[in-house]
Amino acid sequence: MLETIVIVLLVLWALGLVSSYTMGGLIHLLLVVAIVVILIRVIQGRRL
Protein backbone atom coordinates (compact mmCIF):
# COMPACT_ATOMS: atom_id res chain seq x y z
CA MET A 1 0.00 0.00 0.00
CA LEU A 2 2.85 2.36 0.80
CA GLU A 3 4.35 1.73 -2.61
CA THR A 4 1.06 2.71 -4.23
CA ILE A 5 0.99 5.97 -2.30
CA VAL A 6 4.54 6.74 -3.41
CA ILE A 7 3.67 6.06 -7.05
CA VAL A 8 0.58 8.26 -6.84
CA LEU A 9 2.62 11.07 -5.28
CA LEU A 10 5.23 10.83 -8.01
CA VAL A 11 2.55 10.96 -10.71
CA LEU A 12 0.99 14.00 -9.05
CA TRP A 13 4.42 15.63 -8.87
CA ALA A 14 4.96 15.02 -12.59
CA LEU A 15 1.58 16.64 -13.29
CA GLY A 16 2.65 19.52 -11.07
CA LEU A 17 5.68 20.10 -13.26
CA VAL A 18 3.38 20.43 -16.27
CA SER A 19 0.92 22.72 -14.49
CA SER A 20 3.26 24.43 -12.07
CA TYR A 21 1.14 27.58 -11.94
CA THR A 22 -1.78 25.96 -10.11
CA MET A 23 -0.61 23.53 -7.43
CA GLY A 24 3.16 23.50 -7.91
CA GLY A 25 4.05 24.12 -4.26
CA LEU A 26 1.76 21.40 -2.96
CA ILE A 27 2.97 18.85 -5.49
CA HIS A 28 6.62 19.51 -4.65
CA LEU A 29 5.80 19.13 -0.98
CA LEU A 30 4.20 15.76 -1.73
CA LEU A 31 7.35 14.75 -3.65
CA VAL A 32 9.47 15.52 -0.59
CA VAL A 33 7.12 13.37 1.52
CA ALA A 34 7.44 10.50 -0.99
CA ILE A 35 11.24 10.70 -0.91
CA VAL A 36 11.27 10.72 2.90
CA VAL A 37 9.02 7.64 2.97
CA ILE A 38 11.34 5.81 0.57
CA LEU A 39 14.39 6.75 2.62
CA ILE A 40 12.75 5.52 5.82
CA ARG A 41 11.95 2.19 4.16
CA VAL A 42 15.54 1.83 2.92
CA ILE A 43 16.95 2.67 6.36
CA GLN A 44 14.63 0.12 7.97
CA GLY A 45 15.92 -2.49 5.50
CA ARG A 46 12.65 -3.09 3.68
CA ARG A 47 12.31 -3.73 -0.03
CA LEU A 48 11.27 -0.89 -2.30
PDB file of N, CA and C in Angstrom:
ATOM      1  N   MET A   1       0.824  -1.192   0.000  1.00  0.00           N
ATOM      2  CA  MET A   1       0.000   0.000   0.000  1.00  0.00           C
ATOM      3  C   MET A   1       0.869   1.256   0.000  1.00  0.00           C
ATOM      4  N   LEU A   2       1.955   1.211   0.745  1.00  0.00           N
ATOM      5  CA  LEU A   2       2.846   2.363   0.805  1.00  0.00           C
ATOM      6  C   LEU A   2       3.473   2.642  -0.560  1.00  0.00           C
ATOM      7  N   GLU A   3       3.788   1.566  -1.275  1.00  0.00           N
ATOM      8  CA  GLU A   3       4.352   1.730  -2.612  1.00  0.00           C
ATOM      9  C   GLU A   3       3.357   2.414  -3.540  1.00  0.00           C
ATOM     10  N   THR A   4       2.093   2.082  -3.417  1.00  0.00           N
ATOM     11  CA  THR A   4       1.057   2.707  -4.234  1.00  0.00           C
ATOM     12  C   THR A   4       0.962   4.195  -3.945  1.00  0.00           C
ATOM     13  N   ILE A   5       1.048   4.553  -2.675  1.00  0.00           N
ATOM     14  CA  ILE A   5       0.992   5.967  -2.302  1.00  0.00           C
ATOM     15  C   ILE A   5       2.176   6.712  -2.900  1.00  0.00           C
ATOM     16  N   VAL A   6       3.356   6.103  -2.852  1.00  0.00           N
ATOM     17  CA  VAL A   6       4.544   6.737  -3.412  1.00  0.00           C
ATOM     18  C   VAL A   6       4.384   6.943  -4.915  1.00  0.00           C
ATOM     19  N   ILE A   7       3.867   5.947  -5.601  1.00  0.00           N
ATOM     20  CA  ILE A   7       3.672   6.060  -7.049  1.00  0.00           C
ATOM     21  C   ILE A   7       2.674   7.165  -7.370  1.00  0.00           C
ATOM     22  N   VAL A   8       1.574   7.221  -6.619  1.00  0.00           N
ATOM     23  CA  VAL A   8       0.575   8.263  -6.841  1.00  0.00           C
ATOM     24  C   VAL A   8       1.182   9.642  -6.604  1.00  0.00           C
ATOM     25  N   LEU A   9       1.986   9.781  -5.555  1.00  0.00           N
ATOM     26  CA  LEU A   9       2.620  11.070  -5.275  1.00  0.00           C
ATOM     27  C   LEU A   9       3.579  11.474  -6.390  1.00  0.00           C
ATOM     28  N   LEU A  10       4.310  10.511  -6.913  1.00  0.00           N
ATOM     29  CA  LEU A  10       5.229  10.829  -8.007  1.00  0.00           C
ATOM     30  C   LEU A  10       4.480  11.239  -9.272  1.00  0.00           C
ATOM     31  N   VAL A  11       3.360  10.587  -9.549  1.00  0.00           N
ATOM     32  CA  VAL A  11       2.547  10.963 -10.710  1.00  0.00           C
ATOM     33  C   VAL A  11       1.987  12.375 -10.519  1.00  0.00           C
ATOM     34  N   LEU A  12       1.505  12.664  -9.321  1.00  0.00           N
ATOM     35  CA  LEU A  12       0.989  14.001  -9.048  1.00  0.00           C
ATOM     36  C   LEU A  12       2.088  15.049  -9.168  1.00  0.00           C
ATOM     37  N   TRP A  13       3.301  14.701  -8.750  1.00  0.00           N
ATOM     38  CA  TRP A  13       4.417  15.631  -8.869  1.00  0.00           C
ATOM     39  C   TRP A  13       4.727  15.906 -10.340  1.00  0.00           C
ATOM     40  N   ALA A  14       4.701  14.852 -11.159  1.00  0.00           N
ATOM     41  CA  ALA A  14       4.956  15.024 -12.588  1.00  0.00           C
ATOM     42  C   ALA A  14       3.889  15.925 -13.212  1.00  0.00           C
ATOM     43  N   LEU A  15       2.642  15.752 -12.806  1.00  0.00           N
ATOM     44  CA  LEU A  15       1.584  16.636 -13.286  1.00  0.00           C
ATOM     45  C   LEU A  15       1.815  18.059 -12.798  1.00  0.00           C
ATOM     46  N   GLY A  16       2.350  18.202 -11.615  1.00  0.00           N
ATOM     47  CA  GLY A  16       2.646  19.521 -11.069  1.00  0.00           C
ATOM     48  C   GLY A  16       3.719  20.239 -11.867  1.00  0.00           C
ATOM     49  N   LEU A  17       4.662  19.482 -12.415  1.00  0.00           N
ATOM     50  CA  LEU A  17       5.678  20.104 -13.257  1.00  0.00           C
ATOM     51  C   LEU A  17       5.060  20.665 -14.530  1.00  0.00           C
ATOM     52  N   VAL A  18       4.053  19.962 -15.045  1.00  0.00           N
ATOM     53  CA  VAL A  18       3.385  20.426 -16.265  1.00  0.00           C
ATOM     54  C   VAL A  18       2.529  21.647 -15.964  1.00  0.00           C
ATOM     55  N   SER A  19       1.796  21.608 -14.855  1.00  0.00           N
ATOM     56  CA  SER A  19       0.920  22.717 -14.494  1.00  0.00           C
ATOM     57  C   SER A  19       1.417  23.380 -13.211  1.00  0.00           C
ATOM     58  N   SER A  20       2.620  23.909 -13.273  1.00  0.00           N
ATOM     59  CA  SER A  20       3.260  24.426 -12.066  1.00  0.00           C
ATOM     60  C   SER A  20       2.601  25.706 -11.569  1.00  0.00           C
ATOM     61  N   TYR A  21       1.756  26.325 -12.364  1.00  0.00           N
ATOM     62  CA  TYR A  21       1.137  27.576 -11.937  1.00  0.00           C
ATOM     63  C   TYR A  21       0.005  27.354 -10.943  1.00  0.00           C
ATOM     64  N   THR A  22      -0.607  26.171 -10.951  1.00  0.00           N
ATOM     65  CA  THR A  22      -1.780  25.963 -10.108  1.00  0.00           C
ATOM     66  C   THR A  22      -1.423  25.404  -8.745  1.00  0.00           C
ATOM     67  N   MET A  23      -0.855  24.196  -8.711  1.00  0.00           N
ATOM     68  CA  MET A  23      -0.610  23.526  -7.428  1.00  0.00           C
ATOM     69  C   MET A  23       0.847  23.124  -7.293  1.00  0.00           C
ATOM     70  N   GLY A  24       1.746  23.880  -7.881  1.00  0.00           N
ATOM     71  CA  GLY A  24       3.162  23.504  -7.907  1.00  0.00           C
ATOM     72  C   GLY A  24       3.754  23.309  -6.532  1.00  0.00           C
ATOM     73  N   GLY A  25       3.479  24.222  -5.596  1.00  0.00           N
ATOM     74  CA  GLY A  25       4.052  24.121  -4.258  1.00  0.00           C
ATOM     75  C   GLY A  25       3.592  22.880  -3.532  1.00  0.00           C
ATOM     76  N   LEU A  26       2.307  22.572  -3.625  1.00  0.00           N
ATOM     77  CA  LEU A  26       1.761  21.395  -2.955  1.00  0.00           C
ATOM     78  C   LEU A  26       2.340  20.115  -3.540  1.00  0.00           C
ATOM     79  N   ILE A  27       2.461  20.054  -4.844  1.00  0.00           N
ATOM     80  CA  ILE A  27       2.975  18.850  -5.489  1.00  0.00           C
ATOM     81  C   ILE A  27       4.433  18.620  -5.100  1.00  0.00           C
ATOM     82  N   HIS A  28       5.220  19.683  -5.032  1.00  0.00           N
ATOM     83  CA  HIS A  28       6.618  19.512  -4.653  1.00  0.00           C
ATOM     84  C   HIS A  28       6.733  19.094  -3.190  1.00  0.00           C
ATOM     85  N   LEU A  29       5.825  19.566  -2.366  1.00  0.00           N
ATOM     86  CA  LEU A  29       5.801  19.131  -0.975  1.00  0.00           C
ATOM     87  C   LEU A  29       5.482  17.640  -0.893  1.00  0.00           C
ATOM     88  N   LEU A  30       4.542  17.184  -1.702  1.00  0.00           N
ATOM     89  CA  LEU A  30       4.202  15.760  -1.731  1.00  0.00           C
ATOM     90  C   LEU A  30       5.384  14.928  -2.222  1.00  0.00           C
ATOM     91  N   LEU A  31       6.159  15.465  -3.170  1.00  0.00           N
ATOM     92  CA  LEU A  31       7.348  14.751  -3.648  1.00  0.00           C
ATOM     93  C   LEU A  31       8.343  14.565  -2.513  1.00  0.00           C
ATOM     94  N   VAL A  32       8.554  15.612  -1.722  1.00  0.00           N
ATOM     95  CA  VAL A  32       9.470  15.517  -0.587  1.00  0.00           C
ATOM     96  C   VAL A  32       8.988  14.444   0.385  1.00  0.00           C
ATOM     97  N   VAL A  33       7.675  14.395   0.627  1.00  0.00           N
ATOM     98  CA  VAL A  33       7.118  13.374   1.518  1.00  0.00           C
ATOM     99  C   VAL A  33       7.382  11.980   0.948  1.00  0.00           C
ATOM    100  N   ALA A  34       7.208  11.809  -0.355  1.00  0.00           N
ATOM    101  CA  ALA A  34       7.439  10.504  -0.986  1.00  0.00           C
ATOM    102  C   ALA A  34       8.901  10.087  -0.846  1.00  0.00           C
ATOM    103  N   ILE A  35       9.820  11.019  -1.024  1.00  0.00           N
ATOM    104  CA  ILE A  35      11.240  10.702  -0.914  1.00  0.00           C
ATOM    105  C   ILE A  35      11.590  10.321   0.526  1.00  0.00           C
ATOM    106  N   VAL A  36      11.023  11.037   1.494  1.00  0.00           N
ATOM    107  CA  VAL A  36      11.268  10.717   2.896  1.00  0.00           C
ATOM    108  C   VAL A  36      10.755   9.322   3.221  1.00  0.00           C
ATOM    109  N   VAL A  37       9.588   8.971   2.712  1.00  0.00           N
ATOM    110  CA  VAL A  37       9.024   7.636   2.966  1.00  0.00           C
ATOM    111  C   VAL A  37       9.933   6.559   2.381  1.00  0.00           C
ATOM    112  N   ILE A  38      10.434   6.782   1.184  1.00  0.00           N
ATOM    113  CA  ILE A  38      11.341   5.808   0.566  1.00  0.00           C
ATOM    114  C   ILE A  38      12.616   5.674   1.382  1.00  0.00           C
ATOM    115  N   LEU A  39      13.173   6.803   1.820  1.00  0.00           N
ATOM    116  CA  LEU A  39      14.394   6.750   2.622  1.00  0.00           C
ATOM    117  C   LEU A  39      14.169   6.005   3.935  1.00  0.00           C
ATOM    118  N   ILE A  40      13.045   6.230   4.570  1.00  0.00           N
ATOM    119  CA  ILE A  40      12.749   5.521   5.823  1.00  0.00           C
ATOM    120  C   ILE A  40      12.671   4.017   5.582  1.00  0.00           C
ATOM    121  N   ARG A  41      12.040   3.623   4.477  1.00  0.00           N
ATOM    122  CA  ARG A  41      11.946   2.188   4.164  1.00  0.00           C
ATOM    123  C   ARG A  41      13.319   1.591   3.911  1.00  0.00           C
ATOM    124  N   VAL A  42      14.193   2.331   3.211  1.00  0.00           N
ATOM    125  CA  VAL A  42      15.537   1.826   2.923  1.00  0.00           C
ATOM    126  C   VAL A  42      16.338   1.708   4.218  1.00  0.00           C
ATOM    127  N   ILE A  43      16.227   2.708   5.089  1.00  0.00           N
ATOM    128  CA  ILE A  43      16.950   2.670   6.357  1.00  0.00           C
ATOM    129  C   ILE A  43      16.468   1.503   7.215  1.00  0.00           C
ATOM    130  N   GLN A  44      15.176   1.218   7.185  1.00  0.00           N
ATOM    131  CA  GLN A  44      14.629   0.124   7.969  1.00  0.00           C
ATOM    132  C   GLN A  44      14.961  -1.227   7.360  1.00  0.00           C
ATOM    133  N   GLY A  45      15.489  -1.250   6.138  1.00  0.00           N
ATOM    134  CA  GLY A  45      15.917  -2.489   5.502  1.00  0.00           C
ATOM    135  C   GLY A  45      14.810  -3.187   4.730  1.00  0.00           C
ATOM    136  N   ARG A  46      13.744  -2.477   4.440  1.00  0.00           N
ATOM    137  CA  ARG A  46      12.647  -3.092   3.680  1.00  0.00           C
ATOM    138  C   ARG A  46      12.908  -2.947   2.191  1.00  0.00           C
ATOM    139  N   ARG A  47      12.233  -3.793   1.431  1.00  0.00           N
ATOM    140  CA  ARG A  47      12.311  -3.731  -0.031  1.00  0.00           C
ATOM    141  C   ARG A  47      11.548  -2.536  -0.544  1.00  0.00           C
ATOM    142  N   LEU A  48      12.044  -1.934  -1.626  1.00  0.00           N
ATOM    143  CA  LEU A  48      11.272  -0.893  -2.301  1.00  0.00           C
ATOM    144  C   LEU A  48      10.218  -1.581  -3.121  1.00  0.00           C
TER     145      LEU A  48
END
